C-alpha atoms as a PDB file:
ATOM      1  CA  MET A   1     -21.681 -62.581  -5.292  1.00  0.00           C
ATOM      2  CA  ASN A   2     -19.394 -61.728  -8.608  1.00  0.00           C
ATOM      3  CA  VAL A   3     -16.513 -60.198  -7.285  1.00  0.00           C
ATOM      4  CA  VAL A   4     -15.285 -56.891  -9.276  1.00  0.00           C
ATOM      5  CA  LEU A   5     -12.049 -56.101  -7.194  1.00  0.00           C
ATOM      6  CA  GLU A   6      -9.794 -57.883  -5.104  1.00  0.00           C
ATOM      7  CA  THR A   7      -6.409 -57.072  -4.498  1.00  0.00           C
ATOM      8  CA  LYS A   8      -4.037 -59.220  -3.077  1.00  0.00           C
ATOM      9  CA  HIS A   9      -1.190 -58.044  -0.322  1.00  0.00           C
ATOM     10  CA  LEU A  10      -0.867 -54.994  -2.714  1.00  0.00           C
ATOM     11  CA  THR A  11       1.879 -52.856  -1.606  1.00  0.00           C
ATOM     12  CA  LYS A  12       3.890 -49.653  -3.122  1.00  0.00           C
ATOM     13  CA  ALA A  13       6.744 -48.567  -1.684  1.00  0.00           C
ATOM     14  CA  TYR A  14       8.513 -45.650  -2.756  1.00  0.00           C
ATOM     15  CA  LYS A  15      11.869 -46.621  -1.665  1.00  0.00           C
ATOM     16  CA  SER A  16      11.868 -46.615   2.290  1.00  0.00           C
ATOM     17  CA  PHE A  17       8.305 -45.598   2.577  1.00  0.00           C
ATOM     18  CA  LYS A  18       5.056 -48.134   2.077  1.00  0.00           C
ATOM     19  CA  ALA A  19       2.148 -45.692   0.955  1.00  0.00           C
ATOM     20  CA  LEU A  20       0.398 -49.204   0.130  1.00  0.00           C
ATOM     21  CA  ASP A  21       1.223 -51.500   3.066  1.00  0.00           C
ATOM     22  CA  ASP A  22      -0.020 -55.571   1.989  1.00  0.00           C
ATOM     23  CA  VAL A  23      -3.789 -54.582   1.054  1.00  0.00           C
ATOM     24  CA  SER A  24      -6.505 -57.097   0.768  1.00  0.00           C
ATOM     25  CA  ILE A  25     -10.056 -56.066   0.222  1.00  0.00           C
ATOM     26  CA  THR A  26     -13.008 -57.081  -1.639  1.00  0.00           C
ATOM     27  CA  ILE A  27     -15.723 -55.272  -3.943  1.00  0.00           C
ATOM     28  CA  TYR A  28     -18.650 -57.512  -5.053  1.00  0.00           C
ATOM     29  CA  GLU A  29     -21.060 -56.314  -7.257  1.00  0.00           C
ATOM     30  CA  GLY A  30     -23.723 -54.222  -6.954  1.00  0.00           C
ATOM     31  CA  ASP A  31     -21.585 -51.982  -3.950  1.00  0.00           C
ATOM     32  CA  ILE A  32     -20.873 -48.935  -3.158  1.00  0.00           C
ATOM     33  CA  TYR A  33     -17.731 -49.875  -0.999  1.00  0.00           C
ATOM     34  CA  GLY A  34     -16.135 -46.547   0.528  1.00  0.00           C
ATOM     35  CA  LEU A  35     -12.745 -47.134   1.355  1.00  0.00           C
ATOM     36  CA  VAL A  36     -12.132 -44.410   4.548  1.00  0.00           C
ATOM     37  CA  GLY A  37      -9.047 -42.783   5.990  1.00  0.00           C
ATOM     38  CA  GLU A  38      -7.515 -39.901   6.597  1.00  0.00           C
ATOM     39  CA  ASN A  39      -5.328 -37.532   4.480  1.00  0.00           C
ATOM     40  CA  GLY A  40      -2.294 -39.783   3.118  1.00  0.00           C
ATOM     41  CA  ALA A  41      -3.832 -42.607   4.460  1.00  0.00           C
ATOM     42  CA  GLY A  42      -2.911 -44.600   0.933  1.00  0.00           C
ATOM     43  CA  LYS A  43      -6.627 -43.965  -0.436  1.00  0.00           C
ATOM     44  CA  THR A  44      -5.462 -42.613  -3.529  1.00  0.00           C
ATOM     45  CA  THR A  45      -2.309 -44.850  -3.913  1.00  0.00           C
ATOM     46  CA  LEU A  46      -4.517 -48.072  -3.705  1.00  0.00           C
ATOM     47  CA  ILE A  47      -7.276 -46.140  -6.541  1.00  0.00           C
ATOM     48  CA  ARG A  48      -4.062 -45.310  -8.954  1.00  0.00           C
ATOM     49  CA  ALA A  49      -2.860 -48.768  -8.495  1.00  0.00           C
ATOM     50  CA  VAL A  50      -6.096 -50.766  -9.426  1.00  0.00           C
ATOM     51  CA  SER A  51      -6.477 -47.680 -11.941  1.00  0.00           C
ATOM     52  CA  GLY A  52      -3.376 -49.237 -14.035  1.00  0.00           C
ATOM     53  CA  LEU A  53      -1.931 -45.566 -13.198  1.00  0.00           C
ATOM     54  CA  ILE A  54       0.808 -47.110 -11.062  1.00  0.00           C
ATOM     55  CA  PHE A  55       2.265 -50.492 -10.624  1.00  0.00           C
ATOM     56  CA  PRO A  56       2.448 -52.304  -7.247  1.00  0.00           C
ATOM     57  CA  THR A  57       5.981 -53.096  -5.524  1.00  0.00           C
ATOM     58  CA  SER A  58       4.268 -56.300  -4.788  1.00  0.00           C
ATOM     59  CA  GLY A  59       0.879 -58.346  -4.269  1.00  0.00           C
ATOM     60  CA  SER A  60      -1.611 -57.995  -7.104  1.00  0.00           C
ATOM     61  CA  TYR A  61      -4.997 -57.243  -7.837  1.00  0.00           C
ATOM     62  CA  GLU A  62      -7.729 -58.914  -9.925  1.00  0.00           C
ATOM     63  CA  LEU A  63     -10.410 -57.050 -11.869  1.00  0.00           C
ATOM     64  CA  GLY A  64     -13.762 -59.065 -12.478  1.00  0.00           C
ATOM     65  CA  GLY A  65     -11.565 -62.319 -11.380  1.00  0.00           C
ATOM     66  CA  VAL A  66      -8.723 -61.518 -14.705  1.00  0.00           C
ATOM     67  CA  ASP A  67      -5.446 -60.461 -13.049  1.00  0.00           C
ATOM     68  CA  TYR A  68      -4.088 -57.216 -13.786  1.00  0.00           C
ATOM     69  CA  LYS A  69      -0.615 -58.970 -15.817  1.00  0.00           C
ATOM     70  CA  ASP A  70      -3.139 -60.538 -17.962  1.00  0.00           C
ATOM     71  CA  PRO A  71      -3.459 -59.440 -21.324  1.00  0.00           C
ATOM     72  CA  LYS A  72      -6.938 -59.960 -20.943  1.00  0.00           C
ATOM     73  CA  ILE A  73      -7.672 -57.157 -18.657  1.00  0.00           C
ATOM     74  CA  SER A  74      -7.706 -54.478 -20.926  1.00  0.00           C
ATOM     75  CA  LYS A  75     -10.687 -55.597 -22.194  1.00  0.00           C
ATOM     76  CA  VAL A  76     -11.786 -56.173 -18.708  1.00  0.00           C
ATOM     77  CA  LYS A  77     -10.848 -52.033 -18.237  1.00  0.00           C
ATOM     78  CA  GLU A  78     -13.293 -51.093 -21.283  1.00  0.00           C
ATOM     79  CA  ARG A  79     -16.595 -51.746 -18.476  1.00  0.00           C
ATOM     80  CA  MET A  80     -14.666 -49.711 -16.153  1.00  0.00           C
ATOM     81  CA  ALA A  81     -13.761 -45.755 -15.605  1.00  0.00           C
ATOM     82  CA  ALA A  82     -12.359 -43.869 -12.674  1.00  0.00           C
ATOM     83  CA  ILE A  83     -11.986 -40.115 -11.577  1.00  0.00           C
ATOM     84  CA  VAL A  84      -8.558 -39.627  -9.783  1.00  0.00           C
ATOM     85  CA  GLU A  85      -8.018 -36.651  -7.942  1.00  0.00           C
ATOM     86  CA  SER A  86      -9.437 -34.045  -9.890  1.00  0.00           C
ATOM     87  CA  PRO A  87     -11.997 -33.832 -12.692  1.00  0.00           C
ATOM     88  CA  ALA A  88     -10.214 -34.172 -16.350  1.00  0.00           C
ATOM     89  CA  LEU A  89     -12.290 -31.390 -18.531  1.00  0.00           C
ATOM     90  CA  TYR A  90     -11.972 -29.396 -21.455  1.00  0.00           C
ATOM     91  CA  LEU A  91     -11.928 -26.426 -19.459  1.00  0.00           C
ATOM     92  CA  ASN A  92     -12.977 -23.709 -22.022  1.00  0.00           C
ATOM     93  CA  MET A  93     -15.540 -26.290 -23.782  1.00  0.00           C
ATOM     94  CA  ASN A  94     -19.010 -26.434 -22.403  1.00  0.00           C
ATOM     95  CA  ALA A  95     -20.676 -29.686 -21.410  1.00  0.00           C
ATOM     96  CA  TYR A  96     -22.237 -30.841 -24.325  1.00  0.00           C
ATOM     97  CA  ASN A  97     -18.591 -30.475 -26.711  1.00  0.00           C
ATOM     98  CA  ASN A  98     -16.904 -31.986 -23.437  1.00  0.00           C
ATOM     99  CA  MET A  99     -19.196 -35.068 -24.160  1.00  0.00           C
ATOM    100  CA  VAL A 100     -18.251 -34.677 -27.788  1.00  0.00           C
ATOM    101  CA  MET A 101     -14.464 -34.910 -27.138  1.00  0.00           C
ATOM    102  CA  GLN A 102     -14.807 -37.790 -24.693  1.00  0.00           C
ATOM    103  CA  ALA A 103     -16.884 -39.750 -27.155  1.00  0.00           C
ATOM    104  CA  GLN A 104     -14.321 -39.226 -29.962  1.00  0.00           C
ATOM    105  CA  LEU A 105     -11.189 -40.450 -27.806  1.00  0.00           C
ATOM    106  CA  ILE A 106     -13.695 -43.743 -26.752  1.00  0.00           C
ATOM    107  CA  GLY A 107     -14.891 -44.493 -30.172  1.00  0.00           C
ATOM    108  CA  ASP A 108     -18.280 -46.057 -31.275  1.00  0.00           C
ATOM    109  CA  VAL A 109     -20.329 -43.892 -29.109  1.00  0.00           C
ATOM    110  CA  ASP A 110     -23.696 -43.248 -29.996  1.00  0.00           C
ATOM    111  CA  PRO A 111     -24.439 -39.063 -30.032  1.00  0.00           C
ATOM    112  CA  LYS A 112     -27.455 -39.737 -28.648  1.00  0.00           C
ATOM    113  CA  ASP A 113     -26.259 -41.166 -25.898  1.00  0.00           C
ATOM    114  CA  ILE A 114     -24.210 -37.904 -24.861  1.00  0.00           C
ATOM    115  CA  ASP A 115     -28.152 -35.881 -24.540  1.00  0.00           C
ATOM    116  CA  THR A 116     -29.460 -39.237 -22.189  1.00  0.00           C
ATOM    117  CA  ILE A 117     -26.214 -38.965 -20.000  1.00  0.00           C
ATOM    118  CA  LEU A 118     -26.417 -35.334 -19.467  1.00  0.00           C
ATOM    119  CA  ASN A 119     -29.721 -35.951 -17.950  1.00  0.00           C
ATOM    120  CA  ASP A 120     -28.989 -38.552 -16.311  1.00  0.00           C
ATOM    121  CA  VAL A 121     -26.364 -36.500 -13.876  1.00  0.00           C
ATOM    122  CA  GLY A 122     -28.768 -33.535 -14.258  1.00  0.00           C
ATOM    123  CA  LEU A 123     -26.940 -31.483 -16.623  1.00  0.00           C
ATOM    124  CA  GLY A 124     -29.332 -31.355 -19.046  1.00  0.00           C
ATOM    125  CA  TYR A 125     -30.485 -27.710 -19.492  1.00  0.00           C
ATOM    126  CA  LEU A 126     -26.627 -27.012 -20.203  1.00  0.00           C
ATOM    127  CA  ILE A 127     -26.962 -29.170 -23.615  1.00  0.00           C
ATOM    128  CA  ASN A 128     -27.607 -25.907 -25.370  1.00  0.00           C
ATOM    129  CA  SER A 129     -25.553 -23.952 -23.159  1.00  0.00           C
ATOM    130  CA  LYS A 130     -22.692 -21.580 -24.594  1.00  0.00           C
ATOM    131  CA  LYS A 131     -20.937 -21.546 -20.372  1.00  0.00           C
ATOM    132  CA  LYS A 132     -17.880 -23.143 -20.486  1.00  0.00           C
ATOM    133  CA  ALA A 133     -16.759 -25.514 -17.848  1.00  0.00           C
ATOM    134  CA  LYS A 134     -14.363 -23.270 -16.518  1.00  0.00           C
ATOM    135  CA  ASP A 135     -17.285 -21.616 -14.986  1.00  0.00           C
ATOM    136  CA  PHE A 136     -18.897 -24.220 -13.730  1.00  0.00           C
ATOM    137  CA  SER A 137     -19.393 -24.636 -10.193  1.00  0.00           C
ATOM    138  CA  LEU A 138     -17.012 -27.482  -8.675  1.00  0.00           C
ATOM    139  CA  GLY A 139     -20.348 -29.712  -8.256  1.00  0.00           C
ATOM    140  CA  MET A 140     -21.113 -29.368 -11.737  1.00  0.00           C
ATOM    141  CA  LYS A 141     -17.849 -30.093 -12.798  1.00  0.00           C
ATOM    142  CA  GLN A 142     -17.870 -33.384 -10.893  1.00  0.00           C
ATOM    143  CA  ARG A 143     -21.113 -34.543 -12.463  1.00  0.00           C
ATOM    144  CA  LEU A 144     -19.720 -33.790 -15.903  1.00  0.00           C
ATOM    145  CA  ALA A 145     -16.593 -35.574 -15.435  1.00  0.00           C
ATOM    146  CA  ILE A 146     -18.835 -38.560 -14.139  1.00  0.00           C
ATOM    147  CA  ALA A 147     -21.329 -38.137 -17.392  1.00  0.00           C
ATOM    148  CA  MET A 148     -18.253 -38.641 -19.088  1.00  0.00           C
ATOM    149  CA  ALA A 149     -16.998 -41.354 -17.326  1.00  0.00           C
ATOM    150  CA  LEU A 150     -20.610 -42.895 -17.775  1.00  0.00           C
ATOM    151  CA  LEU A 151     -20.092 -42.781 -21.902  1.00  0.00           C
ATOM    152  CA  ASN A 152     -18.445 -45.921 -22.215  1.00  0.00           C
ATOM    153  CA  LYS A 153     -21.210 -47.756 -19.920  1.00  0.00           C
ATOM    154  CA  PRO A 154     -19.055 -48.882 -16.943  1.00  0.00           C
ATOM    155  CA  LYS A 155     -20.089 -51.164 -14.660  1.00  0.00           C
ATOM    156  CA  PHE A 156     -17.470 -49.751 -12.047  1.00  0.00           C
ATOM    157  CA  LEU A 157     -16.946 -46.813 -11.745  1.00  0.00           C
ATOM    158  CA  ILE A 158     -13.988 -45.610  -8.752  1.00  0.00           C
ATOM    159  CA  LEU A 159     -14.216 -41.539  -7.411  1.00  0.00           C
ATOM    160  CA  ASP A 160     -11.606 -40.562  -5.610  1.00  0.00           C
ATOM    161  CA  GLU A 161     -12.704 -37.830  -2.742  1.00  0.00           C
ATOM    162  CA  PRO A 162     -15.928 -36.615  -5.375  1.00  0.00           C
ATOM    163  CA  MET A 163     -17.438 -34.373  -2.745  1.00  0.00           C
ATOM    164  CA  ASN A 164     -13.745 -32.626  -1.563  1.00  0.00           C
ATOM    165  CA  GLY A 165     -14.167 -28.922  -1.930  1.00  0.00           C
ATOM    166  CA  LEU A 166     -18.105 -28.882  -2.469  1.00  0.00           C
ATOM    167  CA  ASP A 167     -20.721 -26.993  -1.250  1.00  0.00           C
ATOM    168  CA  PRO A 168     -23.821 -28.329   0.630  1.00  0.00           C
ATOM    169  CA  GLU A 169     -26.019 -28.334  -2.349  1.00  0.00           C
ATOM    170  CA  GLY A 170     -22.885 -30.220  -4.251  1.00  0.00           C
ATOM    171  CA  ILE A 171     -22.564 -32.652  -1.935  1.00  0.00           C
ATOM    172  CA  ILE A 172     -26.460 -33.531  -2.161  1.00  0.00           C
ATOM    173  CA  GLU A 173     -26.249 -33.513  -5.656  1.00  0.00           C
ATOM    174  CA  VAL A 174     -23.283 -35.918  -6.394  1.00  0.00           C
ATOM    175  CA  ARG A 175     -24.698 -38.404  -3.225  1.00  0.00           C
ATOM    176  CA  ASN A 176     -27.995 -38.656  -4.608  1.00  0.00           C
ATOM    177  CA  LEU A 177     -26.440 -39.153  -8.169  1.00  0.00           C
ATOM    178  CA  ILE A 178     -24.627 -41.642  -7.006  1.00  0.00           C
ATOM    179  CA  LEU A 179     -27.082 -43.790  -5.763  1.00  0.00           C
ATOM    180  CA  ASN A 180     -29.362 -43.636  -8.423  1.00  0.00           C
ATOM    181  CA  LEU A 181     -26.854 -44.852 -10.690  1.00  0.00           C
ATOM    182  CA  ASN A 182     -25.560 -48.021  -8.460  1.00  0.00           C
ATOM    183  CA  LYS A 183     -29.683 -48.729  -8.530  1.00  0.00           C
ATOM    184  CA  THR A 184     -30.807 -47.983 -11.820  1.00  0.00           C
ATOM    185  CA  GLN A 185     -27.741 -48.960 -14.004  1.00  0.00           C
ATOM    186  CA  LYS A 186     -26.182 -51.486 -11.092  1.00  0.00           C
ATOM    187  CA  ILE A 187     -23.012 -49.402 -11.290  1.00  0.00           C
ATOM    188  CA  THR A 188     -20.541 -50.762  -8.547  1.00  0.00           C
ATOM    189  CA  PHE A 189     -18.864 -47.856  -6.844  1.00  0.00           C
ATOM    190  CA  LEU A 190     -15.320 -47.788  -5.132  1.00  0.00           C
ATOM    191  CA  ILE A 191     -15.039 -44.091  -3.513  1.00  0.00           C
ATOM    192  CA  SER A 192     -12.637 -42.752  -1.545  1.00  0.00           C
ATOM    193  CA  SER A 193     -13.390 -39.617   1.206  1.00  0.00           C
ATOM    194  CA  HIS A 194     -12.353 -38.297   4.315  1.00  0.00           C
ATOM    195  CA  ILE A 195     -15.097 -36.836   4.286  1.00  0.00           C
ATOM    196  CA  LEU A 196     -16.886 -39.742   6.417  1.00  0.00           C
ATOM    197  CA  GLU A 197     -21.265 -38.634   7.504  1.00  0.00           C
ATOM    198  CA  GLU A 198     -21.159 -37.882   3.173  1.00  0.00           C
ATOM    199  CA  LEU A 199     -19.800 -42.018   2.636  1.00  0.00           C
ATOM    200  CA  ALA A 200     -22.241 -43.310   5.635  1.00  0.00           C
ATOM    201  CA  LYS A 201     -25.066 -42.283   3.579  1.00  0.00           C
ATOM    202  CA  VAL A 202     -24.519 -43.946   0.234  1.00  0.00           C
ATOM    203  CA  CYS A 203     -21.900 -47.002   1.200  1.00  0.00           C
ATOM    204  CA  ASN A 204     -23.095 -50.387   1.894  1.00  0.00           C
ATOM    205  CA  ARG A 205     -19.382 -51.818   2.631  1.00  0.00           C
ATOM    206  CA  TYR A 206     -16.294 -50.219   4.152  1.00  0.00           C
ATOM    207  CA  GLY A 207     -12.487 -50.525   4.140  1.00  0.00           C
ATOM    208  CA  PHE A 208     -11.214 -48.671   7.098  1.00  0.00           C
ATOM    209  CA  ILE A 209      -7.387 -47.578   6.265  1.00  0.00           C
ATOM    210  CA  HIS A 210      -4.469 -45.942   8.052  1.00  0.00           C
ATOM    211  CA  LYS A 211      -1.012 -45.127   7.433  1.00  0.00           C
ATOM    212  CA  GLY A 212      -0.978 -47.153   4.413  1.00  0.00           C
ATOM    213  CA  LYS A 213      -2.457 -50.871   6.280  1.00  0.00           C
ATOM    214  CA  LEU A 214      -6.489 -51.908   5.489  1.00  0.00           C
ATOM    215  CA  ILE A 215      -7.576 -52.014   9.653  1.00  0.00           C
ATOM    216  CA  GLN A 216     -10.675 -53.605   8.144  1.00  0.00           C
ATOM    217  CA  GLU A 217     -13.563 -54.456   5.997  1.00  0.00           C
ATOM    218  CA  ILE A 218     -17.109 -54.014   7.561  1.00  0.00           C
ATOM    219  CA  ASP A 219     -20.626 -53.931   6.277  1.00  0.00           C
ATOM    220  CA  ALA A 220     -22.863 -51.424   6.736  1.00  0.00           C
ATOM    221  CA  LYS A 221     -25.270 -53.596   8.318  1.00  0.00           C
ATOM    222  CA  ASP A 222     -22.637 -54.594  11.289  1.00  0.00           C
ATOM    223  CA  ILE A 223     -21.553 -51.319  11.810  1.00  0.00           C
ATOM    224  CA  SER A 224     -23.586 -51.063  15.004  1.00  0.00           C
ATOM    225  CA  THR A 225     -20.397 -53.271  16.603  1.00  0.00           C
ATOM    226  CA  PHE A 226     -19.111 -49.990  16.537  1.00  0.00           C
ATOM    227  CA  SER A 227     -21.494 -47.568  17.182  1.00  0.00           C
ATOM    228  CA  GLU A 228     -23.739 -49.029  19.810  1.00  0.00           C
ATOM    229  CA  GLU A 229     -25.604 -45.747  21.058  1.00  0.00           C
ATOM    230  CA  HIS A 230     -24.512 -44.437  24.910  1.00  0.00           C
ATOM    231  CA  LEU A 231     -25.797 -42.383  27.828  1.00  0.00           C
ATOM    232  CA  LYS A 232     -22.879 -40.061  28.870  1.00  0.00           C
ATOM    233  CA  VAL A 233     -23.139 -38.937  32.430  1.00  0.00           C
ATOM    234  CA  LYS A 234     -20.621 -36.195  34.512  1.00  0.00           C
ATOM    235  CA  LEU A 235     -20.895 -36.337  38.505  1.00  0.00           C
ATOM    236  CA  ASN A 236     -19.580 -34.426  41.288  1.00  0.00           C
ATOM    237  CA  ASP A 237     -18.521 -37.945  42.626  1.00  0.00           C
ATOM    238  CA  ASN A 238     -17.578 -40.037  39.269  1.00  0.00           C
ATOM    239  CA  GLU A 239     -16.390 -42.902  41.359  1.00  0.00           C
ATOM    240  CA  LYS A 240     -19.603 -42.999  43.463  1.00  0.00           C
ATOM    241  CA  GLY A 241     -21.847 -42.812  40.091  1.00  0.00           C
ATOM    242  CA  TYR A 242     -19.980 -45.742  38.878  1.00  0.00           C
ATOM    243  CA  GLU A 243     -20.223 -47.968  41.458  1.00  0.00           C
ATOM    244  CA  LEU A 244     -23.961 -47.316  41.560  1.00  0.00           C
ATOM    245  CA  LEU A 245     -24.594 -47.778  38.115  1.00  0.00           C
ATOM    246  CA  LYS A 246     -22.665 -50.720  37.290  1.00  0.00           C
ATOM    247  CA  LYS A 247     -25.004 -52.495  39.915  1.00  0.00           C
ATOM    248  CA  ASP A 248     -27.625 -51.707  37.888  1.00  0.00           C
ATOM    249  CA  TYR A 249     -26.807 -51.969  33.875  1.00  0.00           C
ATOM    250  CA  GLN A 250     -25.221 -54.181  31.953  1.00  0.00           C
ATOM    251  CA  LYS A 251     -22.030 -52.384  30.282  1.00  0.00           C
ATOM    252  CA  VAL A 252     -21.132 -49.300  32.354  1.00  0.00           C
ATOM    253  CA  GLU A 253     -17.753 -47.774  31.668  1.00  0.00           C
ATOM    254  CA  GLN A 254     -15.504 -44.798  33.339  1.00  0.00           C
ATOM    255  CA  ARG A 255     -13.234 -43.430  31.304  1.00  0.00           C
ATOM    256  CA  ASP A 256     -11.822 -39.204  30.459  1.00  0.00           C
ATOM    257  CA  ASN A 257     -13.902 -37.780  33.565  1.00  0.00           C
ATOM    258  CA  TYR A 258     -17.220 -39.651  32.643  1.00  0.00           C
ATOM    259  CA  ILE A 259     -19.615 -42.527  33.117  1.00  0.00           C
ATOM    260  CA  TYR A 260     -20.742 -43.988  29.763  1.00  0.00           C
ATOM    261  CA  VAL A 261     -23.474 -46.673  29.822  1.00  0.00           C
ATOM    262  CA  PHE A 262     -24.493 -48.316  27.013  1.00  0.00           C
ATOM    263  CA  GLY A 263     -27.554 -49.496  25.294  1.00  0.00           C
ATOM    264  CA  THR A 264     -31.172 -48.099  25.698  1.00  0.00           C
ATOM    265  CA  VAL A 265     -31.471 -46.881  28.924  1.00  0.00           C
ATOM    266  CA  ASP A 266     -34.064 -44.635  30.351  1.00  0.00           C
ATOM    267  CA  VAL A 267     -32.250 -41.339  31.450  1.00  0.00           C
ATOM    268  CA  ASN A 268     -35.640 -40.264  34.041  1.00  0.00           C
ATOM    269  CA  GLU A 269     -34.487 -43.797  35.733  1.00  0.00           C
ATOM    270  CA  ILE A 270     -30.886 -43.437  35.662  1.00  0.00           C
ATOM    271  CA  ILE A 271     -31.460 -39.311  37.061  1.00  0.00           C
ATOM    272  CA  GLU A 272     -33.397 -40.187  39.899  1.00  0.00           C
ATOM    273  CA  LYS A 273     -31.124 -43.182  41.072  1.00  0.00           C
ATOM    274  CA  LEU A 274     -28.442 -40.645  40.953  1.00  0.00           C
ATOM    275  CA  ARG A 275     -30.543 -37.658  42.651  1.00  0.00           C
ATOM    276  CA  LYS A 276     -31.223 -40.313  45.381  1.00  0.00           C
ATOM    277  CA  GLU A 277     -27.496 -40.680  46.210  1.00  0.00           C
ATOM    278  CA  ASN A 278     -27.198 -36.814  46.070  1.00  0.00           C
ATOM    279  CA  LEU A 279     -25.049 -37.188  43.452  1.00  0.00           C
ATOM    280  CA  ASN A 280     -25.115 -33.795  40.688  1.00  0.00           C
ATOM    281  CA  ILE A 281     -25.176 -34.020  37.692  1.00  0.00           C
ATOM    282  CA  LEU A 282     -22.809 -31.672  35.257  1.00  0.00           C
ATOM    283  CA  GLU A 283     -23.252 -33.441  32.759  1.00  0.00           C
ATOM    284  CA  ILE A 284     -25.554 -35.503  30.833  1.00  0.00           C
ATOM    285  CA  ALA A 285     -26.394 -36.678  27.121  1.00  0.00           C
ATOM    286  CA  THR A 286     -27.596 -39.477  24.881  1.00  0.00           C
ATOM    287  CA  GLU A 287     -24.827 -40.223  22.216  1.00  0.00           C
ATOM    288  CA  LYS A 288     -24.761 -42.041  19.021  1.00  0.00           C
ATOM    289  CA  PRO A 289     -21.082 -42.047  17.830  1.00  0.00           C
ATOM    290  CA  SER A 290     -20.426 -40.888  14.357  1.00  0.00           C
ATOM    291  CA  ILE A 291     -18.676 -42.750  11.679  1.00  0.00           C
ATOM    292  CA  GLU A 292     -16.001 -40.620  12.537  1.00  0.00           C
ATOM    293  CA  ASP A 293     -15.900 -42.227  15.510  1.00  0.00           C
ATOM    294  CA  ILE A 294     -16.214 -45.185  14.757  1.00  0.00           C
ATOM    295  CA  TYR A 295     -13.434 -44.457  12.374  1.00  0.00           C
ATOM    296  CA  LEU A 296     -11.535 -43.564  15.235  1.00  0.00           C
ATOM    297  CA  LYS A 297     -12.496 -46.422  17.375  1.00  0.00           C
ATOM    298  CA  ILE A 298     -11.013 -48.833  14.650  1.00  0.00           C
ATOM    299  CA  ILE A 299      -7.695 -47.553  13.789  1.00  0.00           C
ATOM    300  CA  GLY A 300      -7.143 -47.274  17.495  1.00  0.00           C
ATOM    301  CA  GLY A 301      -7.645 -43.452  18.313  1.00  0.00           C
ATOM    302  CA  LYS A 302      -8.969 -41.836  21.198  1.00  0.00           C
ATOM    303  CA  ASN A 303     -11.683 -43.221  22.654  1.00  0.00           C
ATOM    304  CA  VAL A 304     -15.637 -42.468  22.073  1.00  0.00           C
END
């Protein structure tokens, strides 16, 4: 697979504080790569670095196999785009004129592409509208920003918290747009977000970052390693119940006043076993950890 972005021990320090600390990630052509982390984890710093907005203190990165210090990097960056932090729009212009202004900055844009792209992002109905961008919903502003980024036909698109502040409808619109662009235009994405459940609906690979450090990279297909379904039980006598269940089930754990039975189990069978031993069930539920739980587990946070 072709590598689109590779960071090598990337570090960004502000005096004694390391906003980014020895981070090495790899993004392949066709990926929708989710950079997962809490606010302040270093996601935006990494994005600003690989977008050329700041210089790393140490380490390096390559785009399409070209080192960021190589003069050829400017040519590579012509086929990438980034929306960092909030969308940069001309708020007193309508959607079409925003696109025209961006096209003039890029140069060599076919005017017909403006209509096509606005339709592609679901804003075709605004082509002849006088409505100004300042009056758009956050979701509309985000889609317009993506439309402007698409004018130079990027093959790599970086989005920093694209769903932050959006209402449920706006989140769905942006999510579907990302999936469609990845499928139909073969655009590779790097998306940072702390809205982890939404990332789980679009990403095929993840980088978990915490306090400036990359904790782990993982493929979506391997995430089941961290998201094993389990039965969570609370009894009047957890110790007795734990000793009983661990005889019959391969993986049973006791923690935080609960018993966890991992894997797919017959709940009715367990209930019957417990009742036969006169154990009172105070709570019982089948759980499958969310991606937030998985994040906490990977970074060594509270148990799930």
